[in-house]
Amino acid sequence: MYFTEKYYSDMKETLYEGEHKSGLKVYVLPKTGFTKSYAILATRYGSVNNHFTAPGDTEATKIPDGIAHYLEHKMFDQEDGSNVFDKFSAYGANANAFTGFTMTAYLFSAASNFYENLETLLDYTMHPYYTDETVEKEQGIIGQEIRMYEDEPDWNVYFNALRAMYNVNPVNIDIAGTVESIAEITKEKLYKCYNTFYHPSNMVLFATGAVNPTKIGEYVERLITASDNPGEIINHFPDEPSHIAKKEIKNHFDIGTPQFVVAFKDAYIPGKGEDYVRTDAEMSILLEILAGRGSRLYNTLYEKNLINDSFDASYEGELTYAFSAFSGESQNPDAVYKAVCDEVTLLKKEGIAKDAFERAKRVCYGKAVSLFDRQESFSNAFCRFATKDADLLTYPSFVGKATFEDITKRLYQLDTERCVLSAIYPKKEA
């Protein structure tokens, strides 16, 4: 397998890129000084991909909500009855997997026996095994997990914000689905989703640490036997209107302090490649200006005891949705909501201060560089970007070259008419 080298002078890092004949993209970032090596195999498949036309099909397939997460669980079943986690443990590795809105990933970290663990990773993810009995058994297990999340405050306040923003986009559906939707899952539907989305041409492999690109390429050549790229997967998404679904969603949980998410539904949806990186970088700078520790908004809210150190601002942009969110704990979420909207309105009127812009750029550049030292976080983010044909290693340079005019334009993406409040409060005593 042939690799090309790409050197990033800003970061003093060399990335090796290769493509297997099946279409699998392989990225290797050798790094010294780390005690562990890390590998992650990710597919462009998540909870929002619930309506699609598979390559070669003439009709679209609609699947039950939660099936991507369900399939992730079932990937660990082996035909011989063995346990994949036992195999990883035998070689001293910690293994895991996760499902998001647009990506499912399988990963491990290990201080030794990297290639034996890589073989395990590539073997079990390429050989699914589902039976009627195991699928039915898993419904009870995941049903319990769903009920657990229903009682999780952080999860609920976040998803209620999504439900308030989005009318029909499937991002407003819980990643695990519902007890009713997973009851509709069969082994045939699992195989349909696996055969559609788990072809290597729809996946990326990333490895970092004390690893050798040539040797990784040899393992990929030996273990990936899938055919050539079968063709394009057509995902069908409903037309999401620009307006929000609800202005606010409030409920009560067994908590001590109220929690909130104030979120702006973005009208601008980032594209793939450089636009994906640029948008994320510029929105991060804008949110640092608005709500960073040195911002007027943060200090005003903090001095009025309306927030504590949990206050945070983040941007999430994918290929079918995008939003900015301000979250944390507060005794008065309504006051925080008003303050955020007022600050956005005032900043548009006054304009962004040049010194605040420069300070935010320095902060965001520092955060971007420090991510390279957090192996797991960096690897997961790398795959999130790679599945959008975007290069995470260019992120610091996009932060560095963002202009004052760029960030000012991003400010006008925040529309108070598309701002929602999700809040949860302590349960009232009877």
Protein backbone atom coordinates (compact mmCIF):
# COMPACT_ATOMS: atom_id res chain seq x y z
CA MET A 1 0.00 0.00 0.00
CA TYR A 2 1.46 3.36 -1.04
CA PHE A 3 1.56 6.35 1.32
CA THR A 4 2.21 9.99 0.52
CA GLU A 5 3.84 12.26 3.10
CA LYS A 6 2.37 15.62 4.02
CA TYR A 7 4.42 17.90 6.27
CA TYR A 8 2.77 20.65 8.33
CA SER A 9 5.41 23.26 9.13
CA ASP A 10 3.28 25.08 11.71
CA MET A 11 2.81 21.92 13.76
CA LYS A 12 6.09 20.20 12.77
CA GLU A 13 4.09 17.04 12.08
CA THR A 14 4.15 14.61 9.16
CA LEU A 15 0.97 12.81 8.15
CA TYR A 16 1.04 9.73 5.95
CA GLU A 17 -1.97 9.28 3.68
CA GLY A 18 -2.89 6.19 1.72
CA GLU A 19 -5.87 4.62 0.00
CA HIS A 20 -6.53 0.89 -0.16
CA LYS A 21 -7.88 -0.55 -3.42
CA SER A 22 -11.26 -0.97 -1.69
CA GLY A 23 -11.46 2.80 -1.20
CA LEU A 24 -10.54 2.79 2.52
CA LYS A 25 -8.66 5.98 3.40
CA VAL A 26 -5.76 5.33 5.80
CA TYR A 27 -4.02 8.09 7.77
CA VAL A 28 -0.99 7.59 10.02
CA LEU A 29 0.55 10.22 12.29
CA PRO A 30 3.71 8.81 13.92
CA LYS A 31 4.50 10.56 17.20
CA THR A 32 7.24 10.02 19.73
CA GLY A 33 6.91 10.64 23.44
CA PHE A 34 3.55 8.93 23.87
CA THR A 35 3.35 5.80 26.01
CA LYS A 36 0.32 4.53 24.08
CA SER A 37 -0.61 4.18 20.44
CA TYR A 38 -4.15 4.70 19.23
CA ALA A 39 -6.19 3.53 16.27
CA ILE A 40 -9.73 4.40 15.23
CA LEU A 41 -11.83 3.08 12.36
CA ALA A 42 -14.79 5.31 11.51
CA THR A 43 -17.66 5.06 9.07
CA ARG A 44 -19.76 7.87 7.63
CA TYR A 45 -22.87 6.53 9.31
CA GLY A 46 -24.78 7.84 12.28
CA SER A 47 -28.25 8.28 13.70
CA VAL A 48 -29.35 10.82 11.07
CA ASN A 49 -28.81 8.34 8.20
CA ASN A 50 -32.20 6.68 8.59
CA HIS A 51 -33.44 7.06 5.00
CA PHE A 52 -31.17 6.15 2.10
CA THR A 53 -30.80 4.52 -1.29
CA ALA A 54 -28.00 1.96 -1.25
CA PRO A 55 -25.66 1.57 -4.24
CA GLY A 56 -27.38 -0.56 -6.87
CA ASP A 57 -30.86 -0.11 -5.39
CA THR A 58 -33.68 1.59 -7.26
CA GLU A 59 -35.84 2.18 -4.20
CA ALA A 60 -35.03 3.99 -0.97
CA THR A 61 -34.80 2.21 2.38
CA LYS A 62 -36.33 3.65 5.58
CA ILE A 63 -34.99 2.13 8.79
CA PRO A 64 -36.00 2.36 12.46
CA ASP A 65 -34.57 5.16 14.58
CA GLY A 66 -31.58 4.04 16.66
CA ILE A 67 -30.36 1.33 14.29
CA ALA A 68 -26.88 2.86 13.81
CA HIS A 69 -26.29 2.72 17.56
CA TYR A 70 -27.82 -0.76 17.70
CA LEU A 71 -25.52 -1.99 14.95
CA GLU A 72 -22.51 -0.63 16.85
CA HIS A 73 -23.45 -2.80 19.81
CA LYS A 74 -23.93 -5.89 17.64
CA MET A 75 -20.56 -5.52 15.89
CA PHE A 76 -18.88 -7.10 18.90
CA ASP A 77 -20.74 -10.40 18.46
CA GLN A 78 -18.55 -13.18 17.06
CA GLU A 79 -19.75 -16.26 15.21
CA ASP A 80 -17.54 -18.52 17.35
CA GLY A 81 -19.03 -17.05 20.53
CA SER A 82 -15.80 -15.32 21.57
CA ASN A 83 -15.67 -11.85 23.08
CA VAL A 84 -13.86 -9.11 21.13
CA PHE A 85 -13.06 -7.21 24.32
CA ASP A 86 -11.32 -10.30 25.70
CA LYS A 87 -9.11 -10.36 22.61
CA PHE A 88 -8.13 -6.74 23.11
CA SER A 89 -7.51 -7.29 26.82
CA ALA A 90 -5.26 -10.25 26.10
CA TYR A 91 -2.99 -7.88 24.18
CA GLY A 92 -3.18 -5.12 26.80
CA ALA A 93 -5.50 -2.78 24.92
CA ASN A 94 -8.47 -0.68 25.99
CA ALA A 95 -11.16 -0.81 23.31
CA ASN A 96 -14.38 1.10 22.83
CA ALA A 97 -16.87 2.34 20.25
CA PHE A 98 -19.35 5.20 19.90
CA THR A 99 -22.16 6.36 17.65
CA GLY A 100 -22.90 9.98 16.86
CA PHE A 101 -25.25 11.80 14.55
CA THR A 102 -23.08 11.33 11.46
CA MET A 103 -20.30 8.90 12.42
CA THR A 104 -19.80 5.53 14.12
CA ALA A 105 -16.29 4.67 15.32
CA TYR A 106 -14.40 1.68 16.73
CA LEU A 107 -11.14 2.28 18.55
CA PHE A 108 -8.43 1.03 20.86
CA SER A 109 -5.37 2.33 22.69
CA ALA A 110 -2.43 0.17 23.70
CA ALA A 111 1.04 0.56 25.18
CA SER A 112 2.23 -2.61 23.42
CA ASN A 113 1.10 -5.18 20.83
CA PHE A 114 -0.28 -2.44 18.60
CA TYR A 115 -0.36 -4.55 15.44
CA GLU A 116 -2.02 -7.53 17.09
CA ASN A 117 -4.73 -5.15 18.30
CA LEU A 118 -4.98 -3.54 14.87
CA GLU A 119 -5.60 -6.98 13.41
CA THR A 120 -8.42 -7.53 15.91
CA LEU A 121 -9.95 -4.15 15.04
CA LEU A 122 -9.89 -4.79 11.29
CA ASP A 123 -11.08 -8.36 11.67
CA TYR A 124 -14.22 -7.93 13.75
CA THR A 125 -15.41 -4.77 12.00
CA MET A 126 -15.20 -6.53 8.62
CA HIS A 127 -17.07 -9.67 9.74
CA PRO A 128 -20.54 -8.95 11.15
CA TYR A 129 -22.57 -11.72 12.70
CA TYR A 130 -26.23 -11.25 13.62
CA THR A 131 -28.88 -13.81 14.52
CA ASP A 132 -32.54 -13.45 15.40
CA GLU A 133 -31.77 -14.56 18.96
CA THR A 134 -28.92 -12.10 19.59
CA VAL A 135 -30.83 -9.22 18.02
CA GLU A 136 -33.82 -9.88 20.27
CA LYS A 137 -31.58 -10.16 23.33
CA GLU A 138 -29.94 -6.81 22.57
CA GLN A 139 -33.33 -5.07 22.47
CA GLY A 140 -33.65 -5.50 26.21
CA ILE A 141 -30.11 -4.26 26.86
CA ILE A 142 -30.44 -1.15 24.70
CA GLY A 143 -33.95 -0.56 26.03
CA GLN A 144 -32.41 -0.22 29.50
CA GLU A 145 -29.78 2.15 28.10
CA ILE A 146 -32.50 4.31 26.54
CA ARG A 147 -34.36 4.52 29.85
CA MET A 148 -31.10 5.45 31.57
CA TYR A 149 -30.56 8.35 29.16
CA GLU A 150 -34.16 9.47 29.68
CA ASP A 151 -33.21 10.06 33.32
CA GLU A 152 -29.91 11.82 32.50
CA PRO A 153 -30.25 15.61 32.93
CA ASP A 154 -27.32 16.64 30.69
CA TRP A 155 -28.57 14.44 27.86
CA ASN A 156 -32.13 15.74 28.11
CA VAL A 157 -31.34 19.44 28.25
CA TYR A 158 -29.15 19.00 25.15
CA PHE A 159 -31.67 17.01 23.14
CA ASN A 160 -34.50 19.30 24.11
CA ALA A 161 -32.48 22.15 22.58
CA LEU A 162 -32.23 20.13 19.35
CA ARG A 163 -35.96 19.39 19.43
CA ALA A 164 -36.67 23.08 19.92
CA MET A 165 -34.47 24.11 16.99
CA TYR A 166 -35.28 21.43 14.42
CA ASN A 167 -38.68 20.63 12.99
CA VAL A 168 -37.99 17.56 10.82
CA ASN A 169 -34.20 17.11 10.60
CA PRO A 170 -33.43 13.70 12.20
CA VAL A 171 -30.81 15.34 14.44
CA ASN A 172 -33.77 15.99 16.76
CA ILE A 173 -34.15 12.21 17.31
CA ASP A 174 -32.29 10.49 20.14
CA ILE A 175 -29.22 8.65 18.84
CA ALA A 176 -30.33 5.42 20.56
CA GLY A 177 -33.88 5.70 19.24
CA THR A 178 -36.84 4.72 21.40
CA VAL A 179 -37.93 1.47 23.00
CA GLU A 180 -40.63 1.27 20.33
CA SER A 181 -38.31 1.95 17.36
CA ILE A 182 -35.64 -0.56 18.33
CA ALA A 183 -38.34 -3.23 18.66
CA GLU A 184 -38.63 -3.00 14.86
CA ILE A 185 -34.97 -3.88 14.27
CA THR A 186 -34.25 -7.25 12.67
CA LYS A 187 -31.05 -8.98 11.60
CA GLU A 188 -32.02 -8.35 7.97
CA LYS A 189 -32.22 -4.60 8.60
CA LEU A 190 -28.87 -4.68 10.40
CA TYR A 191 -27.22 -6.45 7.48
CA LYS A 192 -28.77 -3.94 5.07
CA CYS A 193 -27.26 -1.04 7.00
CA TYR A 194 -23.94 -2.78 7.46
CA ASN A 195 -23.59 -3.69 3.78
CA THR A 196 -24.53 -0.14 2.80
CA PHE A 197 -22.45 1.94 5.20
CA TYR A 198 -19.63 -0.33 6.35
CA HIS A 199 -17.98 -0.86 3.00
CA PRO A 200 -14.34 0.32 3.39
CA SER A 201 -14.92 3.00 0.73
CA ASN A 202 -17.22 4.72 3.24
CA MET A 203 -14.70 4.48 6.09
CA VAL A 204 -11.44 5.99 7.34
CA LEU A 205 -8.68 4.49 9.49
CA PHE A 206 -6.44 6.70 11.61
CA ALA A 207 -3.49 5.61 13.75
CA THR A 208 -1.05 7.63 15.85
CA GLY A 209 1.72 7.06 18.36
CA ALA A 210 4.74 4.77 17.99
CA VAL A 211 3.43 3.37 14.71
CA ASN A 212 4.91 2.61 11.30
CA PRO A 213 2.93 3.54 8.17
CA THR A 214 4.45 0.79 6.03
CA LYS A 215 3.61 -1.91 8.56
CA ILE A 216 0.06 -0.59 9.00
CA GLY A 217 -0.31 -0.67 5.22
CA GLU A 218 0.73 -4.32 5.18
CA TYR A 219 -1.94 -5.23 7.73
CA VAL A 220 -4.59 -3.31 5.79
CA GLU A 221 -3.63 -5.06 2.55
CA ARG A 222 -3.89 -8.46 4.20
CA LEU A 223 -7.05 -7.95 6.22
CA ILE A 224 -9.24 -5.75 4.01
CA THR A 225 -10.60 -7.95 1.25
CA ALA A 226 -13.69 -5.99 0.22
CA SER A 227 -14.36 -5.25 -3.42
CA ASP A 228 -13.94 -1.91 -5.15
CA ASN A 229 -16.12 1.06 -4.27
CA PRO A 230 -19.73 -0.04 -5.02
CA GLY A 231 -20.89 3.50 -5.74
CA GLU A 232 -22.54 6.44 -4.05
CA ILE A 233 -24.86 6.13 -1.07
CA ILE A 234 -27.74 8.58 -1.46
CA ASN A 235 -28.99 9.86 1.89
CA HIS A 236 -32.47 11.35 1.93
CA PHE A 237 -33.11 14.18 4.39
CA PRO A 238 -36.36 16.09 4.79
CA ASP A 239 -36.35 19.78 3.89
CA GLU A 240 -35.78 21.56 7.16
CA PRO A 241 -37.51 24.97 7.33
CA SER A 242 -35.41 27.93 8.44
CA HIS A 243 -37.60 28.72 11.45
CA ILE A 244 -37.28 27.00 14.81
CA ALA A 245 -39.76 24.40 16.04
CA LYS A 246 -40.28 25.91 19.50
CA LYS A 247 -38.93 28.93 21.34
CA GLU A 248 -38.36 26.99 24.55
CA ILE A 249 -38.66 23.60 26.24
CA LYS A 250 -38.63 23.36 30.01
CA ASN A 251 -39.06 20.42 32.38
CA HIS A 252 -38.01 19.09 35.78
CA PHE A 253 -35.40 16.56 36.91
CA ASP A 254 -33.90 15.27 40.10
CA ILE A 255 -31.15 17.91 40.19
CA GLY A 256 -29.98 20.55 42.63
CA THR A 257 -29.28 23.44 40.26
CA PRO A 258 -31.15 24.34 37.05
CA GLN A 259 -29.34 23.65 33.77
CA PHE A 260 -29.74 25.38 30.43
CA VAL A 261 -28.79 25.37 26.77
CA VAL A 262 -29.28 28.56 24.76
CA ALA A 263 -28.84 27.62 21.10
CA PHE A 264 -28.86 29.47 17.78
CA LYS A 265 -30.05 27.50 14.76
CA ASP A 266 -27.68 28.44 11.97
CA ALA A 267 -28.93 29.15 8.46
CA TYR A 268 -25.44 28.49 7.04
CA ILE A 269 -24.58 24.81 6.65
CA PRO A 270 -20.85 24.14 6.13
CA GLY A 271 -19.70 22.19 3.10
CA LYS A 272 -17.00 19.53 2.94
CA GLY A 273 -13.25 20.03 2.82
CA GLU A 274 -11.76 23.44 3.50
CA ASP A 275 -15.14 25.08 4.08
CA TYR A 276 -15.79 22.64 6.92
CA VAL A 277 -12.49 23.53 8.60
CA ARG A 278 -12.83 27.27 7.97
CA THR A 279 -16.37 27.45 9.31
CA ASP A 280 -15.52 25.57 12.50
CA ALA A 281 -12.41 27.68 13.11
CA GLU A 282 -14.14 31.01 12.53
CA MET A 283 -17.19 30.13 14.61
CA SER A 284 -14.90 29.08 17.47
CA ILE A 285 -13.24 32.51 17.37
CA LEU A 286 -16.63 34.24 17.34
CA LEU A 287 -17.87 32.25 20.34
CA GLU A 288 -14.67 33.02 22.23
CA ILE A 289 -15.29 36.73 21.59
CA LEU A 290 -18.90 36.39 22.73
CA ALA A 291 -18.61 34.08 25.71
CA GLY A 292 -14.96 33.42 26.54
CA ARG A 293 -13.65 34.00 30.05
CA GLY A 294 -12.53 37.51 29.10
CA SER A 295 -15.77 38.50 27.40
CA ARG A 296 -18.24 41.13 28.54
CA LEU A 297 -21.08 38.58 28.53
CA TYR A 298 -19.26 36.06 30.71
CA ASN A 299 -18.15 38.60 33.28
CA THR A 300 -21.55 40.28 33.47
CA LEU A 301 -23.35 36.97 34.00
CA TYR A 302 -20.75 35.80 36.50
CA GLU A 303 -20.88 39.02 38.55
CA LYS A 304 -24.68 38.73 38.73
CA ASN A 305 -24.36 35.10 39.91
CA LEU A 306 -26.30 33.95 36.86
CA ILE A 307 -23.65 31.42 35.82
CA ASN A 308 -20.78 29.47 37.34
CA ASP A 309 -17.62 27.84 35.96
CA SER A 310 -19.71 25.30 34.03
CA PHE A 311 -20.65 27.98 31.46
CA ASP A 312 -19.44 27.08 27.98
CA ALA A 313 -20.02 27.93 24.34
CA SER A 314 -19.56 25.57 21.40
CA TYR A 315 -20.29 25.23 17.71
CA GLU A 316 -21.49 22.10 15.94
CA GLY A 317 -21.69 22.11 12.17
CA GLU A 318 -22.42 19.09 10.02
CA LEU A 319 -23.49 18.64 6.41
CA THR A 320 -27.22 18.99 7.10
CA TYR A 321 -27.39 21.16 10.23
CA ALA A 322 -25.40 23.68 12.28
CA PHE A 323 -25.88 25.51 15.55
CA SER A 324 -24.08 27.42 18.29
CA ALA A 325 -24.85 26.61 21.92
CA PHE A 326 -24.27 28.30 25.27
CA SER A 327 -24.71 25.91 28.18
CA GLY A 328 -24.23 25.61 31.92
CA GLU A 329 -25.97 25.93 35.27
CA SER A 330 -27.99 28.92 36.45
CA GLN A 331 -30.64 29.78 39.00
CA ASN A 332 -32.31 31.86 36.28
CA PRO A 333 -32.00 30.33 32.77
CA ASP A 334 -34.47 32.87 31.35
CA ALA A 335 -32.16 35.71 32.40
CA VAL A 336 -29.20 33.97 30.74
CA TYR A 337 -31.22 33.50 27.55
CA LYS A 338 -32.10 37.20 27.47
CA ALA A 339 -28.53 38.26 28.22
CA VAL A 340 -27.11 36.12 25.40
CA CYS A 341 -29.61 37.46 22.87
CA ASP A 342 -29.04 41.03 24.07
CA GLU A 343 -25.27 40.64 23.76
CA VAL A 344 -25.54 39.35 20.19
CA THR A 345 -27.78 42.28 19.28
CA LEU A 346 -25.48 44.79 20.98
CA LEU A 347 -22.34 43.37 19.38
CA LYS A 348 -23.93 43.69 15.93
CA LYS A 349 -24.71 47.32 16.70
CA GLU A 350 -21.35 48.27 18.25
CA GLY A 351 -19.13 46.01 16.20
CA ILE A 352 -16.46 43.63 17.44
CA ALA A 353 -13.54 45.26 19.23
CA LYS A 354 -10.22 44.69 17.48
CA ASP A 355 -8.43 43.75 20.71
CA ALA A 356 -11.16 41.22 21.55
CA PHE A 357 -10.73 39.71 18.08
CA GLU A 358 -6.96 39.38 18.44
CA ARG A 359 -7.25 37.93 21.94
CA ALA A 360 -9.83 35.36 20.81
CA LYS A 361 -7.61 34.28 17.92
CA ARG A 362 -4.71 33.67 20.32
CA VAL A 363 -6.91 31.66 22.68
CA CYS A 364 -8.38 29.53 19.87
CA TYR A 365 -4.97 28.94 18.31
CA GLY A 366 -3.64 27.76 21.66
CA LYS A 367 -6.60 25.40 22.12
CA ALA A 368 -6.10 24.01 18.61
CA VAL A 369 -2.42 23.33 19.18
CA SER A 370 -3.00 21.76 22.61
CA LEU A 371 -5.44 19.28 21.04
CA PHE A 372 -2.46 17.58 19.37
CA ASP A 373 -1.20 16.52 22.80
CA ARG A 374 -4.49 14.84 23.75
CA GLN A 375 -4.23 11.61 21.80
CA GLU A 376 -7.78 10.32 22.13
CA SER A 377 -9.51 13.67 21.62
CA PHE A 378 -7.30 14.49 18.64
CA SER A 379 -7.85 11.09 17.00
CA ASN A 380 -11.62 11.25 17.37
CA ALA A 381 -11.67 14.80 16.00
CA PHE A 382 -9.38 13.79 13.13
CA CYS A 383 -11.88 11.17 12.00
CA ARG A 384 -14.80 13.55 12.40
CA PHE A 385 -13.04 15.91 10.02
CA ALA A 386 -11.77 13.18 7.68
CA THR A 387 -15.29 11.83 7.14
CA LYS A 388 -16.10 15.31 5.77
CA ASP A 389 -13.01 15.24 3.49
CA ALA A 390 -11.51 17.84 5.82
CA ASP A 391 -8.00 17.99 7.30
CA LEU A 392 -7.84 18.64 11.04
CA LEU A 393 -4.13 19.39 10.88
CA THR A 394 -4.90 22.55 8.89
CA TYR A 395 -7.19 23.83 11.64
CA PRO A 396 -4.58 25.99 13.43
CA SER A 397 -3.66 27.69 10.15
CA PHE A 398 -7.33 28.51 9.48
CA VAL A 399 -7.55 30.05 12.95
CA GLY A 400 -4.40 32.05 12.25
CA LYS A 401 -5.54 33.44 8.92
CA ALA A 402 -9.10 34.33 9.95
CA THR A 403 -9.68 38.04 9.42
CA PHE A 404 -11.67 40.60 11.36
CA GLU A 405 -14.09 40.79 8.41
CA ASP A 406 -14.52 37.00 8.41
CA ILE A 407 -15.57 36.93 12.05
CA THR A 408 -17.86 39.93 11.66
CA LYS A 409 -19.70 38.06 8.88
CA ARG A 410 -20.03 35.03 11.15
CA LEU A 411 -21.62 37.23 13.83
CA TYR A 412 -24.57 37.85 11.53
CA GLN A 413 -25.20 34.11 11.30
CA LEU A 414 -26.49 34.33 14.88
CA ASP A 415 -30.16 35.28 14.56
CA THR A 416 -32.07 35.91 17.78
CA GLU A 417 -35.26 34.91 15.96
CA ARG A 418 -33.75 31.42 15.65
CA CYS A 419 -32.55 31.23 19.26
CA VAL A 420 -34.07 28.67 21.65
CA LEU A 421 -33.94 27.96 25.36
CA SER A 422 -33.84 24.48 26.83
CA ALA A 423 -33.94 24.42 30.63
CA ILE A 424 -34.40 21.83 33.34
CA TYR A 425 -35.24 22.64 36.94
CA PRO A 426 -35.22 20.74 40.24
CA LYS A 427 -38.36 18.71 40.82
CA LYS A 428 -40.96 20.57 42.81
CA GLU A 429 -41.73 19.20 46.24
CA ALA A 430 -45.24 17.77 46.58
